[in-house]
Amino acid sequence: MEIDPDEAGSLYRTLAGAVVPRPIAWVSTTDTEGTDNLAPYSFFNVVAVDPPVVMFAPVDDDDAPGGLKDTPRNIRDTEEFVVNVVTESVAEAMNQTSATLPAGESEFDHADLTRADSTEIAPPRVAESPVAFECSLYEMVDVGDSTMVLGEVEWVHLDDDVTTDGKMDVEKLDAVGRLSGSLYATTENRFSMERPP
């Protein structure tokens, strides 16, 4: 099968089904009225280390004010957000936070999650998540029908359970990745390869 993007219509299923597993940015924000928002985004990654910058790219919503969903709109307005890492123990709660809720209702409450205070910014982090990155807005970039949000990491929270000798230990983090549709994956099956000289 060969696909010409100009003639294929939407390539979402192909892109989302082939670029797998994708890490999930579980993004918490607070709007200008003080309501906490929490939503998962699977177009997420690290962009740079110096300065430390992460990105996620929500698809725009033509029916929303300014075309932005709650999360990117809150970030535009407040310039702050937290990326919480999704593990298997909170995967179902993460899924619950993808529900469409009435204005003024928080996904934290809907999914029965605990707010934890952030250190450098106002939005709370998810207490049940073992890794959280407090971010300030670095830049927002329109990319087609999406808005790429770049955030500079201002503070990091790591549970001791995912560290060894004071450092992040990837073998202790049971992160969940998005596949396609309703399918997800864990990092249960791991293997090692030495990089050639």
N, C-alpha and C. Protein backbone atom coordinates (compact mmCIF):
# COMPACT_ATOMS: atom_id res chain seq x y z
N MET A 1 0.84 -1.18 0.00
CA MET A 1 0.00 0.00 0.00
C MET A 1 0.88 1.24 0.00
N GLU A 2 0.56 2.17 -0.84
CA GLU A 2 1.27 3.45 -0.91
C GLU A 2 0.25 4.56 -0.68
N ILE A 3 0.65 5.59 0.07
CA ILE A 3 -0.29 6.65 0.40
C ILE A 3 0.28 8.00 0.00
N ASP A 4 -0.46 8.74 -0.78
CA ASP A 4 -0.12 10.11 -1.12
C ASP A 4 -0.91 11.00 -0.16
N PRO A 5 -0.22 11.70 0.76
CA PRO A 5 -0.94 12.53 1.74
C PRO A 5 -1.88 13.55 1.11
N ASP A 6 -1.57 14.02 -0.11
CA ASP A 6 -2.41 15.01 -0.76
C ASP A 6 -3.74 14.42 -1.24
N GLU A 7 -3.79 13.09 -1.41
CA GLU A 7 -4.98 12.45 -1.93
C GLU A 7 -5.68 11.55 -0.92
N ALA A 8 -5.06 11.34 0.24
CA ALA A 8 -5.57 10.34 1.18
C ALA A 8 -6.63 10.87 2.13
N GLY A 9 -6.82 12.17 2.20
CA GLY A 9 -7.72 12.69 3.24
C GLY A 9 -6.96 12.70 4.56
N SER A 10 -7.59 12.26 5.62
CA SER A 10 -6.95 12.27 6.93
C SER A 10 -5.96 11.11 7.06
N LEU A 11 -4.77 11.43 7.54
CA LEU A 11 -3.76 10.41 7.82
C LEU A 11 -3.68 10.10 9.31
N TYR A 12 -4.65 10.58 10.08
CA TYR A 12 -4.58 10.42 11.54
C TYR A 12 -4.40 8.96 11.93
N ARG A 13 -5.23 8.08 11.39
CA ARG A 13 -5.17 6.67 11.79
C ARG A 13 -3.82 6.05 11.44
N THR A 14 -3.27 6.40 10.28
CA THR A 14 -1.97 5.85 9.88
C THR A 14 -0.86 6.39 10.77
N LEU A 15 -0.84 7.71 10.99
CA LEU A 15 0.21 8.30 11.82
C LEU A 15 0.11 7.82 13.26
N ALA A 16 -1.09 7.88 13.82
CA ALA A 16 -1.28 7.49 15.22
C ALA A 16 -1.10 5.99 15.42
N GLY A 17 -1.32 5.21 14.38
CA GLY A 17 -1.17 3.76 14.49
C GLY A 17 0.23 3.27 14.22
N ALA A 18 1.04 4.07 13.55
CA ALA A 18 2.41 3.64 13.23
C ALA A 18 3.46 4.25 14.15
N VAL A 19 3.21 5.44 14.65
CA VAL A 19 4.16 6.08 15.57
C VAL A 19 3.75 5.68 16.98
N VAL A 20 4.21 4.49 17.40
CA VAL A 20 3.79 3.90 18.67
C VAL A 20 4.96 3.24 19.39
N PRO A 21 4.89 3.04 20.68
CA PRO A 21 3.92 3.69 21.56
C PRO A 21 4.30 5.15 21.79
N ARG A 22 3.30 5.98 22.00
CA ARG A 22 3.56 7.40 22.24
C ARG A 22 3.39 7.68 23.72
N PRO A 23 4.36 8.39 24.33
CA PRO A 23 4.18 8.75 25.74
C PRO A 23 2.99 9.69 25.88
N ILE A 24 2.43 9.73 27.07
CA ILE A 24 1.23 10.53 27.32
C ILE A 24 1.57 11.68 28.26
N ALA A 25 1.30 12.89 27.81
CA ALA A 25 1.41 14.07 28.68
C ALA A 25 0.05 14.24 29.34
N TRP A 26 0.00 14.04 30.64
CA TRP A 26 -1.24 14.24 31.40
C TRP A 26 -1.14 15.63 31.99
N VAL A 27 -1.74 16.60 31.31
CA VAL A 27 -1.46 18.01 31.57
C VAL A 27 -2.49 18.63 32.51
N SER A 28 -1.98 19.19 33.61
CA SER A 28 -2.85 19.91 34.53
C SER A 28 -2.62 21.41 34.40
N THR A 29 -3.72 22.14 34.38
CA THR A 29 -3.70 23.60 34.27
C THR A 29 -4.76 24.17 35.20
N THR A 30 -4.72 25.47 35.38
CA THR A 30 -5.77 26.17 36.13
C THR A 30 -6.21 27.36 35.29
N ASP A 31 -7.52 27.51 35.10
CA ASP A 31 -7.99 28.62 34.28
C ASP A 31 -8.01 29.92 35.09
N THR A 32 -8.34 31.01 34.44
CA THR A 32 -8.30 32.32 35.09
C THR A 32 -9.38 32.48 36.16
N GLU A 33 -10.36 31.56 36.17
CA GLU A 33 -11.40 31.58 37.20
C GLU A 33 -11.05 30.69 38.38
N GLY A 34 -9.90 29.97 38.28
CA GLY A 34 -9.47 29.11 39.38
C GLY A 34 -9.87 27.66 39.28
N THR A 35 -10.47 27.25 38.16
CA THR A 35 -10.87 25.85 37.98
C THR A 35 -9.68 25.05 37.43
N ASP A 36 -9.40 23.93 38.09
CA ASP A 36 -8.31 23.05 37.65
C ASP A 36 -8.79 22.16 36.52
N ASN A 37 -7.94 21.99 35.52
CA ASN A 37 -8.24 21.17 34.35
C ASN A 37 -7.16 20.09 34.26
N LEU A 38 -7.53 18.91 33.77
CA LEU A 38 -6.58 17.81 33.62
C LEU A 38 -6.97 17.01 32.39
N ALA A 39 -6.04 16.87 31.44
CA ALA A 39 -6.36 16.16 30.20
C ALA A 39 -5.12 15.45 29.64
N PRO A 40 -5.31 14.27 29.02
CA PRO A 40 -4.20 13.53 28.44
C PRO A 40 -3.97 13.88 26.96
N TYR A 41 -2.69 13.91 26.58
CA TYR A 41 -2.30 14.19 25.19
C TYR A 41 -1.18 13.23 24.80
N SER A 42 -1.37 12.50 23.70
CA SER A 42 -0.37 11.51 23.32
C SER A 42 0.58 11.98 22.21
N PHE A 43 0.47 13.23 21.79
CA PHE A 43 1.48 13.81 20.91
C PHE A 43 2.39 14.61 21.82
N PHE A 44 3.37 13.93 22.44
CA PHE A 44 4.16 14.47 23.54
C PHE A 44 5.59 13.96 23.48
N ASN A 45 6.55 14.85 23.79
CA ASN A 45 7.95 14.41 23.84
C ASN A 45 8.84 15.48 24.47
N VAL A 46 10.12 15.12 24.62
CA VAL A 46 11.16 16.05 25.06
C VAL A 46 11.70 16.75 23.82
N VAL A 47 11.97 18.05 23.94
CA VAL A 47 12.49 18.81 22.81
C VAL A 47 13.95 19.19 23.01
N ALA A 48 14.31 19.59 24.23
CA ALA A 48 15.68 20.03 24.51
C ALA A 48 15.99 19.78 25.98
N VAL A 49 17.28 19.74 26.28
CA VAL A 49 17.73 19.55 27.66
C VAL A 49 18.29 20.84 28.24
N ASP A 50 18.85 21.70 27.40
CA ASP A 50 19.41 22.96 27.88
C ASP A 50 18.95 24.10 26.98
N PRO A 51 17.86 24.79 27.31
CA PRO A 51 17.06 24.62 28.52
C PRO A 51 16.17 23.38 28.42
N PRO A 52 15.73 22.86 29.58
CA PRO A 52 14.86 21.67 29.55
C PRO A 52 13.47 22.04 29.03
N VAL A 53 13.11 21.52 27.86
CA VAL A 53 11.84 21.86 27.23
C VAL A 53 11.13 20.58 26.79
N VAL A 54 9.83 20.52 27.12
CA VAL A 54 8.98 19.43 26.64
C VAL A 54 7.89 20.04 25.75
N MET A 55 7.25 19.19 24.96
CA MET A 55 6.19 19.68 24.09
C MET A 55 5.04 18.69 24.06
N PHE A 56 3.85 19.22 23.81
CA PHE A 56 2.71 18.39 23.45
C PHE A 56 1.91 19.19 22.44
N ALA A 57 1.11 18.49 21.63
CA ALA A 57 0.43 19.17 20.53
C ALA A 57 -1.03 18.75 20.45
N PRO A 58 -1.92 19.49 21.15
CA PRO A 58 -3.35 19.20 21.04
C PRO A 58 -3.92 19.65 19.70
N VAL A 59 -4.85 18.85 19.20
CA VAL A 59 -5.58 19.23 17.99
C VAL A 59 -6.54 20.36 18.36
N ASP A 60 -6.64 21.36 17.50
CA ASP A 60 -7.52 22.49 17.76
C ASP A 60 -8.98 22.05 17.73
N ASP A 61 -9.85 22.85 18.32
CA ASP A 61 -11.28 22.58 18.38
C ASP A 61 -12.03 23.76 17.78
N ASP A 62 -12.58 23.57 16.60
CA ASP A 62 -13.27 24.66 15.90
C ASP A 62 -14.45 25.22 16.69
N ASP A 63 -15.02 24.41 17.60
CA ASP A 63 -16.19 24.85 18.37
C ASP A 63 -15.81 25.57 19.66
N ALA A 64 -14.52 25.57 20.00
CA ALA A 64 -14.07 26.20 21.25
C ALA A 64 -13.70 27.66 21.01
N PRO A 65 -13.74 28.49 22.06
CA PRO A 65 -13.35 29.90 21.92
C PRO A 65 -11.92 30.03 21.41
N GLY A 66 -11.75 30.75 20.31
CA GLY A 66 -10.41 30.92 19.74
C GLY A 66 -9.85 29.66 19.11
N GLY A 67 -10.68 28.62 19.00
CA GLY A 67 -10.23 27.37 18.38
C GLY A 67 -9.38 26.50 19.30
N LEU A 68 -9.18 26.93 20.55
CA LEU A 68 -8.32 26.19 21.48
C LEU A 68 -9.15 25.42 22.50
N LYS A 69 -8.74 24.18 22.77
CA LYS A 69 -9.35 23.42 23.85
C LYS A 69 -8.96 24.07 25.18
N ASP A 70 -9.57 23.59 26.26
CA ASP A 70 -9.34 24.18 27.58
C ASP A 70 -7.86 24.23 27.96
N THR A 71 -7.14 23.13 27.76
CA THR A 71 -5.74 23.07 28.20
C THR A 71 -4.87 24.12 27.52
N PRO A 72 -4.80 24.15 26.19
CA PRO A 72 -3.95 25.18 25.57
C PRO A 72 -4.44 26.60 25.83
N ARG A 73 -5.76 26.78 25.96
CA ARG A 73 -6.28 28.11 26.26
C ARG A 73 -5.83 28.55 27.66
N ASN A 74 -5.90 27.64 28.64
CA ASN A 74 -5.44 27.95 29.99
C ASN A 74 -3.95 28.29 30.01
N ILE A 75 -3.17 27.55 29.23
CA ILE A 75 -1.73 27.80 29.17
C ILE A 75 -1.45 29.15 28.52
N ARG A 76 -2.17 29.47 27.47
CA ARG A 76 -2.01 30.78 26.83
C ARG A 76 -2.31 31.90 27.83
N ASP A 77 -3.35 31.71 28.63
CA ASP A 77 -3.78 32.75 29.55
C ASP A 77 -2.92 32.87 30.81
N THR A 78 -2.38 31.74 31.30
CA THR A 78 -1.64 31.76 32.57
C THR A 78 -0.15 31.50 32.42
N GLU A 79 0.24 30.90 31.28
CA GLU A 79 1.63 30.57 30.97
C GLU A 79 2.22 29.54 31.93
N GLU A 80 1.38 28.65 32.46
CA GLU A 80 1.85 27.61 33.39
C GLU A 80 1.09 26.31 33.18
N PHE A 81 1.79 25.18 33.38
CA PHE A 81 1.14 23.87 33.33
C PHE A 81 2.07 22.82 33.92
N VAL A 82 1.48 21.67 34.25
CA VAL A 82 2.25 20.53 34.77
C VAL A 82 2.03 19.35 33.84
N VAL A 83 3.13 18.66 33.48
CA VAL A 83 3.02 17.40 32.75
C VAL A 83 3.23 16.28 33.77
N ASN A 84 2.19 15.48 33.97
CA ASN A 84 2.23 14.34 34.87
C ASN A 84 2.41 13.08 34.03
N VAL A 85 3.29 12.17 34.46
CA VAL A 85 3.54 10.94 33.72
C VAL A 85 2.48 9.91 34.10
N VAL A 86 1.94 9.23 33.10
CA VAL A 86 0.90 8.22 33.31
C VAL A 86 1.55 6.86 33.50
N THR A 87 1.20 6.21 34.61
CA THR A 87 1.65 4.84 34.87
C THR A 87 0.44 3.92 34.87
N GLU A 88 0.71 2.62 34.91
CA GLU A 88 -0.38 1.65 34.83
C GLU A 88 -1.38 1.83 35.97
N SER A 89 -0.90 2.22 37.14
CA SER A 89 -1.79 2.34 38.30
C SER A 89 -2.80 3.49 38.16
N VAL A 90 -2.52 4.46 37.30
CA VAL A 90 -3.44 5.59 37.11
C VAL A 90 -4.01 5.65 35.70
N ALA A 91 -3.81 4.59 34.93
CA ALA A 91 -4.27 4.59 33.53
C ALA A 91 -5.78 4.77 33.42
N GLU A 92 -6.55 4.10 34.26
CA GLU A 92 -8.01 4.23 34.18
C GLU A 92 -8.45 5.64 34.56
N ALA A 93 -7.81 6.23 35.57
CA ALA A 93 -8.12 7.61 35.96
C ALA A 93 -7.77 8.56 34.82
N MET A 94 -6.63 8.33 34.17
CA MET A 94 -6.24 9.15 33.02
C MET A 94 -7.32 9.09 31.95
N ASN A 95 -7.83 7.91 31.68
CA ASN A 95 -8.87 7.75 30.68
C ASN A 95 -10.12 8.53 31.08
N GLN A 96 -10.46 8.53 32.35
CA GLN A 96 -11.63 9.26 32.83
C GLN A 96 -11.48 10.77 32.60
N THR A 97 -10.24 11.27 32.65
CA THR A 97 -10.04 12.71 32.47
C THR A 97 -10.15 13.15 31.01
N SER A 98 -10.34 12.18 30.10
CA SER A 98 -10.54 12.56 28.70
C SER A 98 -12.02 12.83 28.40
N ALA A 99 -12.88 12.66 29.41
CA ALA A 99 -14.32 12.91 29.23
C ALA A 99 -14.57 14.41 29.01
N THR A 100 -15.63 14.70 28.26
CA THR A 100 -16.05 16.08 28.06
C THR A 100 -16.95 16.48 29.23
N LEU A 101 -16.49 17.46 30.01
CA LEU A 101 -17.23 17.88 31.20
C LEU A 101 -17.83 19.27 31.01
N PRO A 102 -18.86 19.59 31.78
CA PRO A 102 -19.42 20.93 31.72
C PRO A 102 -18.41 21.97 32.19
N ALA A 103 -18.53 23.19 31.70
CA ALA A 103 -17.63 24.27 32.11
C ALA A 103 -17.68 24.42 33.63
N GLY A 104 -16.51 24.63 34.23
CA GLY A 104 -16.43 24.83 35.66
C GLY A 104 -16.26 23.55 36.46
N GLU A 105 -16.38 22.39 35.82
CA GLU A 105 -16.19 21.11 36.52
C GLU A 105 -14.77 20.62 36.26
N SER A 106 -14.08 20.15 37.29
CA SER A 106 -12.69 19.73 37.17
C SER A 106 -12.56 18.22 36.97
N GLU A 107 -11.67 17.85 36.08
CA GLU A 107 -11.37 16.43 35.83
C GLU A 107 -10.73 15.78 37.05
N PHE A 108 -10.03 16.56 37.88
CA PHE A 108 -9.47 16.00 39.12
C PHE A 108 -10.60 15.38 39.94
N ASP A 109 -11.70 16.13 40.10
CA ASP A 109 -12.82 15.65 40.90
C ASP A 109 -13.57 14.53 40.19
N HIS A 110 -13.76 14.68 38.89
CA HIS A 110 -14.47 13.67 38.10
C HIS A 110 -13.78 12.31 38.20
N ALA A 111 -12.45 12.29 38.20
CA ALA A 111 -11.68 11.03 38.23
C ALA A 111 -11.23 10.67 39.64
N ASP A 112 -11.66 11.45 40.64
CA ASP A 112 -11.32 11.21 42.04
C ASP A 112 -9.81 11.17 42.26
N LEU A 113 -9.12 12.18 41.73
CA LEU A 113 -7.67 12.28 41.86
C LEU A 113 -7.31 13.34 42.89
N THR A 114 -6.14 13.18 43.47
CA THR A 114 -5.68 14.09 44.52
C THR A 114 -4.80 15.18 43.93
N ARG A 115 -5.12 16.43 44.26
CA ARG A 115 -4.27 17.55 43.86
C ARG A 115 -3.08 17.62 44.81
N ALA A 116 -1.90 17.86 44.26
CA ALA A 116 -0.71 18.11 45.07
C ALA A 116 -0.19 19.49 44.68
N ASP A 117 0.24 20.26 45.66
CA ASP A 117 0.75 21.60 45.38
C ASP A 117 2.00 21.52 44.52
N SER A 118 2.11 22.43 43.58
CA SER A 118 3.35 22.60 42.81
C SER A 118 4.28 23.49 43.61
N THR A 119 5.55 23.51 43.23
CA THR A 119 6.56 24.28 43.95
C THR A 119 6.77 25.66 43.36
N GLU A 120 6.80 25.75 42.01
CA GLU A 120 7.14 27.00 41.34
C GLU A 120 5.98 27.65 40.60
N ILE A 121 4.91 26.91 40.38
CA ILE A 121 3.80 27.44 39.59
C ILE A 121 2.48 27.18 40.31
N ALA A 122 1.39 27.77 39.81
CA ALA A 122 0.09 27.67 40.48
C ALA A 122 -0.67 26.36 40.23
N PRO A 123 -0.73 25.83 38.99
CA PRO A 123 -1.54 24.64 38.78
C PRO A 123 -1.04 23.46 39.62
N PRO A 124 -1.98 22.65 40.13
CA PRO A 124 -1.57 21.49 40.92
C PRO A 124 -1.07 20.36 40.03
N ARG A 125 -0.35 19.46 40.63
CA ARG A 125 0.05 18.24 39.94
C ARG A 125 -0.82 17.09 40.44
N VAL A 126 -0.75 15.95 39.78
CA VAL A 126 -1.50 14.77 40.19
C VAL A 126 -0.66 14.03 41.24
N ALA A 127 -1.16 13.97 42.47
CA ALA A 127 -0.41 13.34 43.55
C ALA A 127 -0.12 11.86 43.26
N GLU A 128 -1.02 11.20 42.54
CA GLU A 128 -0.85 9.77 42.26
C GLU A 128 0.17 9.49 41.17
N SER A 129 0.63 10.49 40.46
CA SER A 129 1.64 10.30 39.40
C SER A 129 3.03 10.36 40.01
N PRO A 130 3.91 9.40 39.68
CA PRO A 130 5.24 9.37 40.29
C PRO A 130 6.24 10.37 39.70
N VAL A 131 5.90 10.97 38.57
CA VAL A 131 6.79 11.95 37.94
C VAL A 131 5.95 13.11 37.44
N ALA A 132 6.37 14.32 37.78
CA ALA A 132 5.64 15.51 37.31
C ALA A 132 6.64 16.61 36.99
N PHE A 133 6.41 17.28 35.86
CA PHE A 133 7.24 18.39 35.41
C PHE A 133 6.43 19.68 35.48
N GLU A 134 6.82 20.58 36.36
CA GLU A 134 6.20 21.90 36.38
C GLU A 134 6.81 22.72 35.25
N CYS A 135 5.96 23.33 34.43
CA CYS A 135 6.44 24.04 33.24
C CYS A 135 5.91 25.45 33.15
N SER A 136 6.73 26.33 32.60
CA SER A 136 6.27 27.65 32.18
C SER A 136 6.22 27.65 30.66
N LEU A 137 5.32 28.44 30.12
CA LEU A 137 5.17 28.48 28.66
C LEU A 137 6.44 29.01 28.01
N TYR A 138 7.00 28.23 27.10
CA TYR A 138 8.16 28.64 26.32
C TYR A 138 7.70 29.27 25.00
N GLU A 139 6.76 28.57 24.35
CA GLU A 139 6.22 29.08 23.08
C GLU A 139 5.02 28.23 22.67
N MET A 140 4.09 28.84 21.95
CA MET A 140 3.00 28.12 21.31
C MET A 140 3.11 28.34 19.81
N VAL A 141 3.04 27.25 19.05
CA VAL A 141 3.24 27.32 17.61
C VAL A 141 2.07 26.65 16.90
N ASP A 142 1.42 27.37 15.99
CA ASP A 142 0.37 26.78 15.17
C ASP A 142 1.01 25.86 14.14
N VAL A 143 0.56 24.61 14.11
CA VAL A 143 1.04 23.64 13.13
C VAL A 143 -0.20 22.99 12.51
N GLY A 144 -0.60 23.48 11.35
CA GLY A 144 -1.80 22.94 10.71
C GLY A 144 -3.00 23.11 11.60
N ASP A 145 -3.68 21.98 11.89
CA ASP A 145 -4.87 22.03 12.73
C ASP A 145 -4.57 21.71 14.20
N SER A 146 -3.31 21.89 14.60
CA SER A 146 -2.89 21.65 15.98
C SER A 146 -2.13 22.86 16.50
N THR A 147 -1.99 22.92 17.81
CA THR A 147 -1.16 23.94 18.44
C THR A 147 -0.09 23.25 19.27
N MET A 148 1.16 23.38 18.86
CA MET A 148 2.26 22.79 19.61
C MET A 148 2.58 23.69 20.79
N VAL A 149 2.53 23.12 21.99
CA VAL A 149 2.82 23.85 23.22
C VAL A 149 4.18 23.41 23.71
N LEU A 150 5.11 24.37 23.82
CA LEU A 150 6.45 24.09 24.33
C LEU A 150 6.53 24.65 25.74
N GLY A 151 7.00 23.83 26.69
CA GLY A 151 7.09 24.28 28.07
C GLY A 151 8.48 24.07 28.63
N GLU A 152 9.00 25.10 29.29
CA GLU A 152 10.30 24.97 29.95
C GLU A 152 10.08 24.40 31.35
N VAL A 153 10.80 23.33 31.66
CA VAL A 153 10.65 22.66 32.95
C VAL A 153 11.28 23.53 34.03
N GLU A 154 10.45 23.91 35.01
CA GLU A 154 10.89 24.77 36.11
C GLU A 154 11.17 23.98 37.38
N TRP A 155 10.55 22.80 37.52
CA TRP A 155 10.73 21.98 38.71
C TRP A 155 10.30 20.56 38.39
N VAL A 156 10.93 19.56 39.00
CA VAL A 156 10.61 18.16 38.75
C VAL A 156 10.30 17.47 40.08
N HIS A 157 9.23 16.68 40.08
CA HIS A 157 8.87 15.87 41.25
C HIS A 157 9.05 14.40 40.87
N LEU A 158 9.86 13.67 41.64
CA LEU A 158 10.08 12.24 41.43
C LEU A 158 9.78 11.49 42.72
N ASP A 159 8.90 10.50 42.67
CA ASP A 159 8.72 9.62 43.82
C ASP A 159 10.00 8.83 44.03
N ASP A 160 10.34 8.58 45.28
CA ASP A 160 11.53 7.77 45.57
C ASP A 160 11.42 6.38 44.95
N ASP A 161 10.18 5.90 44.76
CA ASP A 161 9.96 4.55 44.20
C ASP A 161 10.46 4.41 42.77
N VAL A 162 10.68 5.52 42.05
CA VAL A 162 11.15 5.44 40.66
C VAL A 162 12.58 5.93 40.53
N THR A 163 13.32 5.94 41.65
CA THR A 163 14.72 6.36 41.62
C THR A 163 15.62 5.28 42.20
N THR A 164 16.87 5.34 41.81
CA THR A 164 17.93 4.51 42.39
C THR A 164 19.13 5.42 42.61
N ASP A 165 19.63 5.44 43.82
CA ASP A 165 20.77 6.29 44.18
C ASP A 165 20.54 7.75 43.79
N GLY A 166 19.30 8.21 43.99
CA GLY A 166 18.99 9.61 43.73
C GLY A 166 18.83 9.99 42.28
N LYS A 167 18.70 8.99 41.39
CA LYS A 167 18.54 9.27 39.95
C LYS A 167 17.32 8.53 39.42
N MET A 168 16.70 9.11 38.39
CA MET A 168 15.57 8.47 37.73
C MET A 168 16.00 7.09 37.24
N ASP A 169 15.17 6.06 37.53
CA ASP A 169 15.46 4.69 37.11
C ASP A 169 14.33 4.22 36.21
N VAL A 170 14.58 4.19 34.92
CA VAL A 170 13.53 3.86 33.94
C VAL A 170 13.00 2.44 34.15
N GLU A 171 13.77 1.56 34.78
CA GLU A 171 13.29 0.20 35.02
C GLU A 171 12.27 0.14 36.14
N LYS A 172 12.14 1.22 36.90
CA LYS A 172 11.17 1.27 37.99
C LYS A 172 9.92 2.07 37.62
N LEU A 173 9.89 2.63 36.43
CA LEU A 173 8.75 3.45 36.00
C LEU A 173 7.89 2.64 35.04
N ASP A 174 6.69 2.27 35.49
CA ASP A 174 5.79 1.48 34.64
C ASP A 174 4.91 2.40 33.80
N ALA A 175 5.57 3.17 32.94
CA ALA A 175 4.87 4.15 32.12
C ALA A 175 3.94 3.48 31.11
N VAL A 176 2.87 4.19 30.79
CA VAL A 176 1.89 3.72 29.81
C VAL A 176 2.03 4.57 28.56
N GLY A 177 1.99 3.93 27.40
CA GLY A 177 2.04 4.63 26.13
C GLY A 177 0.76 4.40 25.34
N ARG A 178 0.46 5.35 24.49
CA ARG A 178 -0.75 5.26 23.64
C ARG A 178 -0.39 4.55 22.35
N LEU A 179 -1.25 3.65 21.94
CA LEU A 179 -1.11 3.00 20.64
C LEU A 179 -2.09 3.70 19.70
N SER A 180 -3.22 3.09 19.43
CA SER A 180 -4.22 3.71 18.56
C SER A 180 -5.60 3.31 19.04
N GLY A 181 -6.57 4.18 18.80
CA GLY A 181 -7.92 3.87 19.26
C GLY A 181 -7.94 3.72 20.77
N SER A 182 -8.45 2.60 21.26
CA SER A 182 -8.53 2.36 22.70
C SER A 182 -7.38 1.49 23.21
N LEU A 183 -6.34 1.31 22.40
CA LEU A 183 -5.22 0.45 22.79
C LEU A 183 -4.08 1.25 23.41
N TYR A 184 -3.52 0.68 24.48
CA TYR A 184 -2.39 1.27 25.19
C TYR A 184 -1.34 0.19 25.40
N ALA A 185 -0.13 0.59 25.80
CA ALA A 185 0.95 -0.36 26.05
C ALA A 185 1.68 0.06 27.33
N THR A 186 2.32 -0.91 27.95
CA THR A 186 3.16 -0.61 29.11
C THR A 186 4.62 -0.83 28.72
N THR A 187 5.52 -0.48 29.61
CA THR A 187 6.95 -0.69 29.36
C THR A 187 7.42 -1.97 30.05
N GLU A 188 6.53 -2.94 30.15
CA GLU A 188 6.83 -4.19 30.84
C GLU A 188 7.95 -4.99 30.16
N ASN A 189 7.89 -5.10 28.84
CA ASN A 189 8.91 -5.87 28.10
C ASN A 189 10.03 -4.93 27.67
N ARG A 190 11.18 -5.06 28.34
CA ARG A 190 12.31 -4.19 28.06
C ARG A 190 13.50 -5.04 27.65
N PHE A 191 14.36 -4.49 26.84
CA PHE A 191 15.59 -5.18 26.48
C PHE A 191 16.68 -4.14 26.30
N SER A 192 17.92 -4.61 26.30
CA SER A 192 19.06 -3.71 26.25
C SER A 192 19.92 -4.01 25.04
N MET A 193 20.47 -2.98 24.42
CA MET A 193 21.44 -3.12 23.34
C MET A 193 22.55 -2.11 23.58
N GLU A 194 23.78 -2.52 23.43
CA GLU A 194 24.90 -1.61 23.58
C GLU A 194 25.06 -0.80 22.29
N ARG A 195 25.22 0.49 22.43
CA ARG A 195 25.42 1.34 21.27
C ARG A 195 26.83 1.11 20.71
N PRO A 196 26.94 0.95 19.38
CA PRO A 196 28.25 0.71 18.81
C PRO A 196 29.14 1.95 18.92
N PRO A 197 30.48 1.75 18.94
CA PRO A 197 31.40 2.88 19.04
C PRO A 197 31.37 3.74 17.79
